[in-house]
Amino acid sequence: MKKKTGAKAAARFADGAPILFRGGRVVDPSQSLDGVKDLLLVDGRVEALGKGLSAPDGARVVDCKGLVVMPGLIDVHVHLREPGGEHKETIQTGARAAAAGGFTAVGAMPNTDPPIDNPAAVAFVLAAGQRAGAARVYPLGCISVGQKGERLAEIGEMVAAGAVGITDDGHPVMDSGLMRLALEYAQIFGVPVADHPEDLGLSRGGAMNEGLVATRLGLHGKPNASEDVHILRDLIVAELTGGHIHLQHVSTRLGIDAIRQAKARGVRVTAEATPHHMLLTDEAVEGYRTEAKMNPPLRSRADVDAVIEGFRDGTLDVLATDHAPHHYDEKEQAFDDAPNGIVGLETALGLVHAHLVGPGVIDLSTMVERMSVSPAKAFNLPGGTLRKGSPADVTVMDPAHVWTIDADTFLSKSHNTPFNGWELAGRAVMTVVGGRVVWELE
């Protein structure tokens, strides 16, 4: 495959022209497919999938020998910061960063300033995402008005305006009665309730994982129990109501065991694993490295192993980055004062492929399942499949592409990553949304 920029490609082929991907390894778990095939996109939809397909007149033909062709990746947990935090990220820069990472769609968290807690705010995010012309942007609305945890936001109106779920992410819902109401109302409108599991009474004042590293550094820690208690609460209330709870960025052994048991009982629960909670321990904080400060914090080796196993066996069925951009000056503070979060859209695919698929922890099909098929199912999104007639959202990856993470080259406005300098194998080389190339590696 020749490496052209998207601009050059657009100059040669009309926007919306058919695209034929020829001879790639097509991996689509939604159809139990893994083999060399051709894929034809026409008029923004998947037209055909098979061998020896002919290219229509005016089509672009992409030689995909040695490349992997998969349903477009979907990240359901992304902070785009707009409105109110445009110095960190905008909907446009975040959507472009997503496309550069191989993501064809993202779920935009509502903890902005002001929060996305009404239909007008949802419509603003949706329109800005469409104007960006890169990855699709799906807004999530707040559970509570102003994310204050006191009374429900306008769930039905927000869903009607385009919200695909509700969450107070960044502000755990501490009131169990409010969570019950949210799960009951969300069922009416067919959307999941995504929750940040953290008991503030147990975690308040903590800056990192409670353990030996925190003791050595003289930092106040957040115990696993602060997450475990909240996960157990959410699972119990979801079981009571029959609602769909989506647990965000799960990081503890006990929490994963509880989710596994709840799934066995038939509780409607989906749950996220992040690349950083599978690849880093709290030892990454040594030297007071604020780029390794996040919430939930990086945990112990035993917790990391549990997250990996939960991701492998499907207990944690969604890979999400929790992309949380911050300006350089904000992270360059004392550890206690620095904000939580890292960017992840442009590194997630390479990290998972290099460190989980490469060593054989999971296979390629499982990676695509967790990064495309399952996120689409969890939030009832278009995509996650290459079936005929489905949206022409496609990610093409070169599994042999060796590259080094260089934060200075990110399309995101922020560069806060603990993975800078890591060498990876595997990278998105083309991202197609609605049949249009929105990213192509030079």
Protein backbone atom coordinates (compact mmCIF):
# COMPACT_ATOMS: atom_id res chain seq x y z
CA MET A 1 0.00 0.00 0.00
CA LYS A 2 1.46 3.33 -0.98
CA LYS A 3 1.57 5.82 1.86
CA LYS A 4 -0.21 8.98 0.68
CA THR A 5 -1.67 11.73 2.77
CA GLY A 6 -5.44 12.00 2.87
CA ALA A 7 -5.14 15.32 0.98
CA LYS A 8 -3.24 13.76 -1.89
CA ALA A 9 -5.66 10.86 -2.09
CA ALA A 10 -8.61 13.25 -2.21
CA ALA A 11 -6.98 15.10 -5.10
CA ARG A 12 -6.95 11.92 -7.19
CA PHE A 13 -10.27 10.40 -6.18
CA ALA A 14 -13.61 12.14 -5.80
CA ASP A 15 -14.88 12.34 -2.25
CA GLY A 16 -17.29 9.44 -1.82
CA ALA A 17 -15.84 7.44 -4.72
CA PRO A 18 -16.01 3.64 -4.28
CA ILE A 19 -13.06 2.03 -2.53
CA LEU A 20 -11.90 -1.55 -3.10
CA PHE A 21 -9.57 -3.02 -0.50
CA ARG A 22 -7.87 -5.89 -2.28
CA GLY A 23 -6.21 -8.92 -0.73
CA GLY A 24 -6.12 -7.88 2.93
CA ARG A 25 -6.60 -10.09 5.95
CA VAL A 26 -10.20 -9.27 6.85
CA VAL A 27 -10.90 -9.74 10.55
CA ASP A 28 -14.56 -9.30 11.48
CA PRO A 29 -15.65 -11.15 14.63
CA SER A 30 -19.27 -10.08 14.06
CA GLN A 31 -19.28 -12.57 11.17
CA SER A 32 -16.63 -14.97 12.53
CA LEU A 33 -14.39 -13.94 9.63
CA ASP A 34 -10.62 -14.08 9.55
CA GLY A 35 -9.11 -14.57 6.13
CA VAL A 36 -7.82 -12.95 2.96
CA LYS A 37 -10.63 -11.24 1.10
CA ASP A 38 -11.57 -8.12 -0.87
CA LEU A 39 -13.84 -5.46 0.59
CA LEU A 40 -15.85 -3.02 -1.56
CA LEU A 41 -17.32 0.22 -0.23
CA VAL A 42 -19.91 2.10 -2.31
CA ASP A 43 -22.00 5.14 -1.39
CA GLY A 44 -20.93 5.10 2.24
CA ARG A 45 -21.91 1.45 2.79
CA VAL A 46 -20.30 -1.96 2.60
CA GLU A 47 -21.25 -3.27 -0.82
CA ALA A 48 -19.48 -6.63 -0.95
CA LEU A 49 -16.98 -8.85 0.83
CA GLY A 50 -15.37 -11.76 -0.96
CA LYS A 51 -12.62 -12.87 -3.29
CA GLY A 52 -11.90 -11.54 -6.77
CA LEU A 53 -14.21 -8.53 -6.51
CA SER A 54 -14.20 -6.12 -9.45
CA ALA A 55 -13.61 -2.40 -8.98
CA PRO A 56 -16.40 -0.11 -10.20
CA ASP A 57 -15.57 2.76 -12.54
CA GLY A 58 -13.76 5.56 -10.73
CA ALA A 59 -13.02 3.42 -7.69
CA ARG A 60 -9.87 3.67 -5.67
CA VAL A 61 -8.15 0.29 -5.38
CA VAL A 62 -6.03 -0.20 -2.27
CA ASP A 63 -3.51 -3.05 -2.24
CA CYS A 64 -3.86 -4.52 1.25
CA LYS A 65 -1.46 -7.44 0.97
CA GLY A 66 0.10 -7.92 4.41
CA LEU A 67 -2.41 -5.53 6.00
CA VAL A 68 -5.37 -6.16 8.32
CA VAL A 69 -8.79 -4.81 7.33
CA MET A 70 -11.29 -4.57 10.19
CA PRO A 71 -14.53 -2.85 11.18
CA GLY A 72 -13.77 0.69 12.29
CA LEU A 73 -12.53 0.94 15.87
CA ILE A 74 -14.84 2.59 18.42
CA ASP A 75 -13.75 4.29 21.66
CA VAL A 76 -16.74 4.91 23.91
CA HIS A 77 -14.83 6.88 26.57
CA VAL A 78 -13.17 10.07 25.30
CA HIS A 79 -12.86 13.56 26.78
CA LEU A 80 -13.01 16.15 24.01
CA ARG A 81 -13.07 19.07 26.51
CA GLU A 82 -15.33 21.29 24.39
CA PRO A 83 -17.04 23.47 25.53
CA GLY A 84 -14.88 25.13 28.16
CA GLY A 85 -11.56 23.32 27.84
CA GLU A 86 -10.51 24.16 24.31
CA HIS A 87 -6.93 24.85 25.42
CA LYS A 88 -6.65 21.09 26.10
CA GLU A 89 -8.64 19.67 23.19
CA THR A 90 -11.46 20.54 20.84
CA ILE A 91 -14.02 18.31 19.22
CA GLN A 92 -12.21 18.84 15.92
CA THR A 93 -8.69 18.03 17.18
CA GLY A 94 -9.97 15.08 19.20
CA ALA A 95 -11.89 13.64 16.26
CA ARG A 96 -8.79 13.96 14.07
CA ALA A 97 -6.58 12.36 16.71
CA ALA A 98 -9.07 9.52 16.90
CA ALA A 99 -8.91 8.97 13.16
CA ALA A 100 -5.11 8.98 13.29
CA GLY A 101 -5.31 6.21 15.88
CA GLY A 102 -7.61 4.11 13.73
CA PHE A 103 -10.85 5.04 15.52
CA THR A 104 -13.84 5.72 13.32
CA ALA A 105 -16.10 6.74 16.22
CA VAL A 106 -15.80 8.08 19.75
CA GLY A 107 -18.15 8.64 22.67
CA ALA A 108 -17.75 12.18 24.02
CA MET A 109 -17.91 12.49 27.81
CA PRO A 110 -20.18 15.25 29.17
CA ASN A 111 -17.96 16.61 31.98
CA THR A 112 -17.32 19.84 30.09
CA ASP A 113 -17.87 23.45 31.17
CA PRO A 114 -20.82 23.75 31.17
CA PRO A 115 -21.70 20.05 31.39
CA ILE A 116 -23.66 18.34 28.61
CA ASP A 117 -26.86 17.96 30.64
CA ASN A 118 -29.55 19.22 28.23
CA PRO A 119 -30.63 18.57 24.63
CA ALA A 120 -29.18 21.83 23.30
CA ALA A 121 -25.73 20.92 24.61
CA VAL A 122 -26.02 17.43 23.10
CA ALA A 123 -26.96 18.96 19.75
CA PHE A 124 -23.93 21.27 19.94
CA VAL A 125 -21.51 18.36 20.38
CA LEU A 126 -23.19 16.36 17.63
CA ALA A 127 -23.02 19.26 15.16
CA ALA A 128 -19.40 20.07 16.01
CA GLY A 129 -18.49 16.43 15.49
CA GLN A 130 -20.10 16.41 12.08
CA ARG A 131 -18.25 19.60 11.11
CA ALA A 132 -14.93 18.05 12.15
CA GLY A 133 -15.19 15.58 9.28
CA ALA A 134 -13.07 12.91 10.93
CA ALA A 135 -14.13 10.20 13.40
CA ARG A 136 -17.83 10.13 14.22
CA VAL A 137 -18.60 11.86 17.53
CA TYR A 138 -21.39 10.42 19.67
CA PRO A 139 -22.34 12.59 22.65
CA LEU A 140 -23.19 11.17 26.06
CA GLY A 141 -25.38 13.25 28.34
CA CYS A 142 -25.10 13.72 32.09
CA ILE A 143 -26.95 11.53 34.55
CA SER A 144 -27.59 14.46 36.88
CA VAL A 145 -28.12 18.16 36.32
CA GLY A 146 -24.73 19.87 36.39
CA GLN A 147 -23.18 16.53 37.40
CA LYS A 148 -24.04 17.47 40.98
CA GLY A 149 -25.59 14.09 41.79
CA GLU A 150 -28.82 15.63 43.08
CA ARG A 151 -31.53 15.22 40.42
CA LEU A 152 -31.82 13.52 37.06
CA ALA A 153 -30.99 15.42 33.91
CA GLU A 154 -33.40 15.46 30.93
CA ILE A 155 -32.61 11.90 29.82
CA GLY A 156 -35.37 11.47 27.23
CA GLU A 157 -34.78 14.86 25.65
CA MET A 158 -31.03 14.28 25.45
CA VAL A 159 -31.50 10.89 23.81
CA ALA A 160 -33.91 12.45 21.33
CA ALA A 161 -31.22 15.05 20.54
CA GLY A 162 -28.62 12.35 19.85
CA ALA A 163 -27.13 11.18 23.16
CA VAL A 164 -26.16 7.49 23.04
CA GLY A 165 -25.86 7.04 26.81
CA ILE A 166 -25.72 8.91 30.09
CA THR A 167 -22.86 9.31 32.57
CA ASP A 168 -21.53 11.67 35.19
CA ASP A 169 -18.00 10.47 34.40
CA GLY A 170 -15.46 12.25 36.55
CA HIS A 171 -18.18 12.59 39.20
CA PRO A 172 -19.25 9.22 40.58
CA VAL A 173 -22.96 8.96 41.39
CA MET A 174 -22.84 8.51 45.17
CA ASP A 175 -26.61 8.51 45.72
CA SER A 176 -27.85 4.94 45.22
CA GLY A 177 -31.43 6.13 44.85
CA LEU A 178 -30.42 8.44 42.01
CA MET A 179 -28.55 5.59 40.33
CA ARG A 180 -31.67 3.45 40.60
CA LEU A 181 -33.75 6.17 38.94
CA ALA A 182 -31.15 6.61 36.20
CA LEU A 183 -31.13 2.89 35.41
CA GLU A 184 -34.93 2.78 35.37
CA TYR A 185 -35.35 5.82 33.13
CA ALA A 186 -32.51 4.85 30.80
CA GLN A 187 -34.26 1.55 30.06
CA ILE A 188 -37.25 3.45 28.69
CA PHE A 189 -35.01 5.15 26.13
CA GLY A 190 -32.78 2.15 25.37
CA VAL A 191 -29.43 3.59 26.46
CA PRO A 192 -26.83 2.39 28.97
CA VAL A 193 -25.86 4.17 32.16
CA ALA A 194 -22.07 4.54 32.31
CA ASP A 195 -20.62 5.05 35.77
CA HIS A 196 -17.22 6.01 37.12
CA PRO A 197 -16.95 3.59 40.07
CA GLU A 198 -15.39 5.40 43.02
CA ASP A 199 -16.55 5.82 46.60
CA LEU A 200 -15.39 9.33 47.43
CA GLY A 201 -15.57 8.67 51.14
CA LEU A 202 -12.78 6.13 50.73
CA SER A 203 -10.73 7.85 48.03
CA ARG A 204 -10.97 11.54 48.92
CA GLY A 205 -7.55 13.18 49.13
CA GLY A 206 -5.79 10.31 47.38
CA ALA A 207 -3.33 11.05 44.58
CA MET A 208 -2.31 7.52 43.53
CA ASN A 209 -2.82 3.86 44.40
CA GLU A 210 -2.65 3.06 48.09
CA GLY A 211 0.34 0.76 48.58
CA LEU A 212 4.08 0.52 49.05
CA VAL A 213 4.93 2.97 46.27
CA ALA A 214 2.64 5.64 47.73
CA THR A 215 4.16 5.10 51.16
CA ARG A 216 7.67 5.41 49.79
CA LEU A 217 6.78 8.61 47.94
CA GLY A 218 4.90 10.07 50.88
CA LEU A 219 1.67 10.39 48.87
CA HIS A 220 -1.84 9.74 50.15
CA GLY A 221 -3.33 6.75 48.35
CA LYS A 222 -6.66 5.56 47.03
CA PRO A 223 -7.43 2.01 48.16
CA ASN A 224 -8.87 -0.64 45.86
CA ALA A 225 -11.87 -0.68 48.17
CA SER A 226 -12.96 2.75 46.93
CA GLU A 227 -13.57 1.23 43.50
CA ASP A 228 -14.73 -2.19 44.69
CA VAL A 229 -17.51 -0.84 46.91
CA HIS A 230 -18.92 1.28 44.10
CA ILE A 231 -18.77 -1.54 41.53
CA LEU A 232 -20.65 -3.85 43.89
CA ARG A 233 -23.26 -1.15 44.50
CA ASP A 234 -23.77 -0.54 40.81
CA LEU A 235 -24.11 -4.26 40.05
CA ILE A 236 -26.67 -4.73 42.81
CA VAL A 237 -28.76 -1.77 41.65
CA ALA A 238 -28.52 -2.89 38.01
CA GLU A 239 -29.73 -6.33 39.04
CA LEU A 240 -32.59 -4.77 41.01
CA THR A 241 -33.77 -2.62 38.10
CA GLY A 242 -32.84 -4.77 35.12
CA GLY A 243 -31.05 -1.74 33.67
CA HIS A 244 -27.83 -1.76 31.66
CA ILE A 245 -24.85 -0.55 33.69
CA HIS A 246 -21.61 0.18 31.88
CA LEU A 247 -18.66 0.28 34.28
CA GLN A 248 -15.85 2.56 33.20
CA HIS A 249 -12.06 1.99 33.43
CA VAL A 250 -12.17 -1.00 35.82
CA SER A 251 -8.84 -1.51 37.56
CA THR A 252 -9.18 -3.87 40.56
CA ARG A 253 -9.10 -7.63 41.12
CA LEU A 254 -12.21 -7.77 43.30
CA GLY A 255 -14.14 -5.50 40.96
CA ILE A 256 -13.40 -7.76 38.00
CA ASP A 257 -14.41 -10.86 39.96
CA ALA A 258 -17.68 -9.16 40.93
CA ILE A 259 -18.43 -8.28 37.30
CA ARG A 260 -17.64 -11.82 36.19
CA GLN A 261 -20.05 -13.24 38.78
CA ALA A 262 -22.73 -10.70 37.91
CA LYS A 263 -22.54 -11.61 34.23
CA ALA A 264 -22.96 -15.27 35.16
CA ARG A 265 -26.17 -14.29 37.01
CA GLY A 266 -27.48 -12.48 33.94
CA VAL A 267 -26.95 -8.89 35.13
CA ARG A 268 -26.91 -6.45 32.22
CA VAL A 269 -23.37 -5.15 32.61
CA THR A 270 -20.62 -4.17 30.21
CA ALA A 271 -17.23 -2.96 31.38
CA GLU A 272 -14.09 -1.24 30.13
CA ALA A 273 -10.41 -2.00 30.29
CA THR A 274 -7.89 0.70 29.40
CA PRO A 275 -4.45 0.14 27.86
CA HIS A 276 -2.74 1.91 30.77
CA HIS A 277 -4.37 -0.30 33.39
CA MET A 278 -3.11 -3.36 31.48
CA LEU A 279 0.41 -2.16 30.75
CA LEU A 280 1.49 -0.03 33.73
CA THR A 281 1.63 -0.47 37.50
CA ASP A 282 1.85 2.18 40.20
CA GLU A 283 5.63 1.92 39.90
CA ALA A 284 5.29 4.19 36.83
CA VAL A 285 4.64 7.03 39.30
CA GLU A 286 8.18 6.76 40.70
CA GLY A 287 9.90 10.12 40.45
CA TYR A 288 6.53 11.81 40.92
CA ARG A 289 5.78 11.46 37.20
CA THR A 290 2.53 13.37 36.71
CA GLU A 291 2.07 11.83 33.25
CA ALA A 292 1.32 8.60 35.16
CA LYS A 293 -1.29 10.23 37.40
CA MET A 294 -4.83 9.13 36.56
CA ASN A 295 -8.15 8.14 38.10
CA PRO A 296 -8.59 5.33 38.84
CA PRO A 297 -4.89 5.22 39.63
CA LEU A 298 -2.40 2.74 38.27
CA ARG A 299 -2.64 -0.30 40.54
CA SER A 300 -0.48 -3.22 41.67
CA ARG A 301 0.94 -5.99 39.50
CA ALA A 302 -1.75 -8.37 40.76
CA ASP A 303 -4.44 -5.91 39.67
CA VAL A 304 -2.82 -5.45 36.26
CA ASP A 305 -2.78 -9.22 35.77
CA ALA A 306 -6.46 -9.36 36.74
CA VAL A 307 -7.37 -6.63 34.23
CA ILE A 308 -5.51 -8.47 31.47
CA GLU A 309 -7.28 -11.72 32.32
CA GLY A 310 -10.65 -9.95 32.48
CA PHE A 311 -9.98 -8.42 29.08
CA ARG A 312 -8.89 -11.75 27.68
CA ASP A 313 -11.91 -13.70 28.91
CA GLY A 314 -14.46 -11.01 28.07
CA THR A 315 -15.38 -9.95 31.59
CA LEU A 316 -14.08 -6.55 30.52
CA ASP A 317 -15.61 -6.59 27.07
CA VAL A 318 -14.76 -3.07 25.87
CA LEU A 319 -11.39 -1.44 25.29
CA ALA A 320 -11.61 2.29 26.03
CA THR A 321 -8.82 4.84 26.25
CA ASP A 322 -10.34 7.34 28.72
CA HIS A 323 -8.52 9.89 26.54
CA ALA A 324 -8.05 12.81 28.96
CA PRO A 325 -5.97 15.64 27.48
CA HIS A 326 -4.37 18.29 29.69
CA HIS A 327 -2.24 21.30 28.85
CA TYR A 328 1.49 20.98 29.55
CA ASP A 329 1.43 23.62 32.27
CA GLU A 330 -1.34 21.80 34.13
CA LYS A 331 0.66 18.60 34.35
CA GLU A 332 3.86 20.46 35.30
CA GLN A 333 2.75 20.94 38.89
CA ALA A 334 3.42 19.17 42.15
CA PHE A 335 2.04 15.64 41.97
CA ASP A 336 -0.80 16.30 44.42
CA ASP A 337 -1.92 19.36 42.43
CA ALA A 338 -1.62 17.97 38.89
CA PRO A 339 -4.84 16.80 37.18
CA ASN A 340 -5.59 13.15 36.47
CA GLY A 341 -5.51 11.67 33.01
CA ILE A 342 -3.55 10.76 29.90
CA VAL A 343 -4.17 10.93 26.17
CA GLY A 344 -4.71 7.62 24.42
CA LEU A 345 -6.42 7.86 21.05
CA GLU A 346 -3.25 7.76 18.97
CA THR A 347 -1.49 5.02 20.93
CA ALA A 348 -4.15 2.49 21.95
CA LEU A 349 -4.15 0.30 18.84
CA GLY A 350 -0.36 0.03 18.73
CA LEU A 351 -0.10 -0.67 22.46
CA VAL A 352 -2.71 -3.42 22.44
CA HIS A 353 -1.36 -5.02 19.28
CA ALA A 354 2.28 -4.90 20.38
CA HIS A 355 1.84 -5.91 24.01
CA LEU A 356 -1.20 -8.20 24.01
CA VAL A 357 -1.61 -9.60 20.50
CA GLY A 358 2.11 -9.85 19.75
CA PRO A 359 2.98 -11.97 22.83
CA GLY A 360 -0.12 -14.14 22.33
CA VAL A 361 -2.08 -12.94 25.36
CA ILE A 362 -5.06 -12.39 23.03
CA ASP A 363 -5.52 -13.08 19.35
CA LEU A 364 -6.21 -10.52 16.66
CA SER A 365 -9.89 -11.37 16.49
CA THR A 366 -10.30 -10.74 20.21
CA MET A 367 -8.62 -7.35 19.85
CA VAL A 368 -11.07 -6.36 17.11
CA GLU A 369 -13.99 -7.70 19.15
CA ARG A 370 -13.05 -5.56 22.17
CA MET A 371 -12.19 -2.44 20.14
CA SER A 372 -15.01 -2.46 17.59
CA VAL A 373 -17.75 -5.08 17.86
CA SER A 374 -18.39 -4.93 21.62
CA PRO A 375 -18.30 -1.12 21.94
CA ALA A 376 -20.87 -0.87 19.14
CA LYS A 377 -23.12 -3.40 20.88
CA ALA A 378 -22.72 -1.83 24.32
CA PHE A 379 -23.93 1.59 23.12
CA ASN A 380 -26.20 0.46 20.27
CA LEU A 381 -24.02 2.24 17.71
CA PRO A 382 -23.88 1.76 13.95
CA GLY A 383 -20.69 -0.02 12.93
CA GLY A 384 -18.72 -2.81 14.53
CA THR A 385 -19.27 -4.99 11.47
CA LEU A 386 -18.44 -5.30 7.78
CA ARG A 387 -21.73 -6.94 6.84
CA LYS A 388 -23.24 -5.89 3.52
CA GLY A 389 -25.19 -2.67 3.96
CA SER A 390 -23.42 -1.62 7.15
CA PRO A 391 -21.74 1.82 7.43
CA ALA A 392 -18.48 1.98 5.49
CA ASP A 393 -16.36 2.54 8.60
CA VAL A 394 -13.08 0.68 8.20
CA THR A 395 -9.70 0.58 9.90
CA VAL A 396 -6.68 -0.72 8.02
CA MET A 397 -3.69 -1.73 10.14
CA ASP A 398 -0.16 -2.67 9.19
CA PRO A 399 0.77 -5.26 11.85
CA ALA A 400 4.44 -5.14 10.89
CA HIS A 401 4.81 -1.35 11.04
CA VAL A 402 7.39 -0.59 13.72
CA TRP A 403 7.19 2.90 15.17
CA THR A 404 8.12 4.86 18.25
CA ILE A 405 5.57 6.92 20.15
CA ASP A 406 6.50 10.58 19.84
CA ALA A 407 4.06 12.81 21.71
CA ASP A 408 5.29 15.88 19.81
CA THR A 409 3.72 14.47 16.64
CA PHE A 410 0.25 13.89 18.11
CA LEU A 411 -2.72 15.49 16.40
CA SER A 412 -4.27 15.92 19.83
CA LYS A 413 -3.68 19.37 21.31
CA SER A 414 -2.25 17.71 24.43
CA HIS A 415 0.71 15.38 24.77
CA ASN A 416 0.35 13.96 28.29
CA THR A 417 1.31 10.29 27.95
CA PRO A 418 3.46 7.95 30.02
CA PHE A 419 4.16 5.91 26.88
CA ASN A 420 6.35 8.46 25.11
CA GLY A 421 9.35 6.72 23.56
CA TRP A 422 7.83 3.21 23.57
CA GLU A 423 8.56 1.22 20.42
CA LEU A 424 5.53 -0.57 19.01
CA ALA A 425 4.67 -2.94 16.18
CA GLY A 426 1.30 -2.32 14.55
CA ARG A 427 -0.30 0.93 13.44
CA ALA A 428 -3.37 2.21 11.63
CA VAL A 429 -2.41 3.20 8.10
CA MET A 430 -5.86 4.17 6.86
CA THR A 431 -9.12 5.14 8.53
CA VAL A 432 -12.34 5.34 6.53
CA VAL A 433 -15.58 6.86 7.86
CA GLY A 434 -18.73 6.63 5.82
CA GLY A 435 -16.73 5.56 2.78
CA ARG A 436 -14.44 8.59 2.98
CA VAL A 437 -10.74 8.41 3.84
CA VAL A 438 -10.26 10.61 6.90
CA TRP A 439 -6.74 9.49 7.76
CA GLU A 440 -3.88 7.93 5.81
CA LEU A 441 -0.37 7.44 7.10
CA GLU A 442 2.24 9.27 5.08
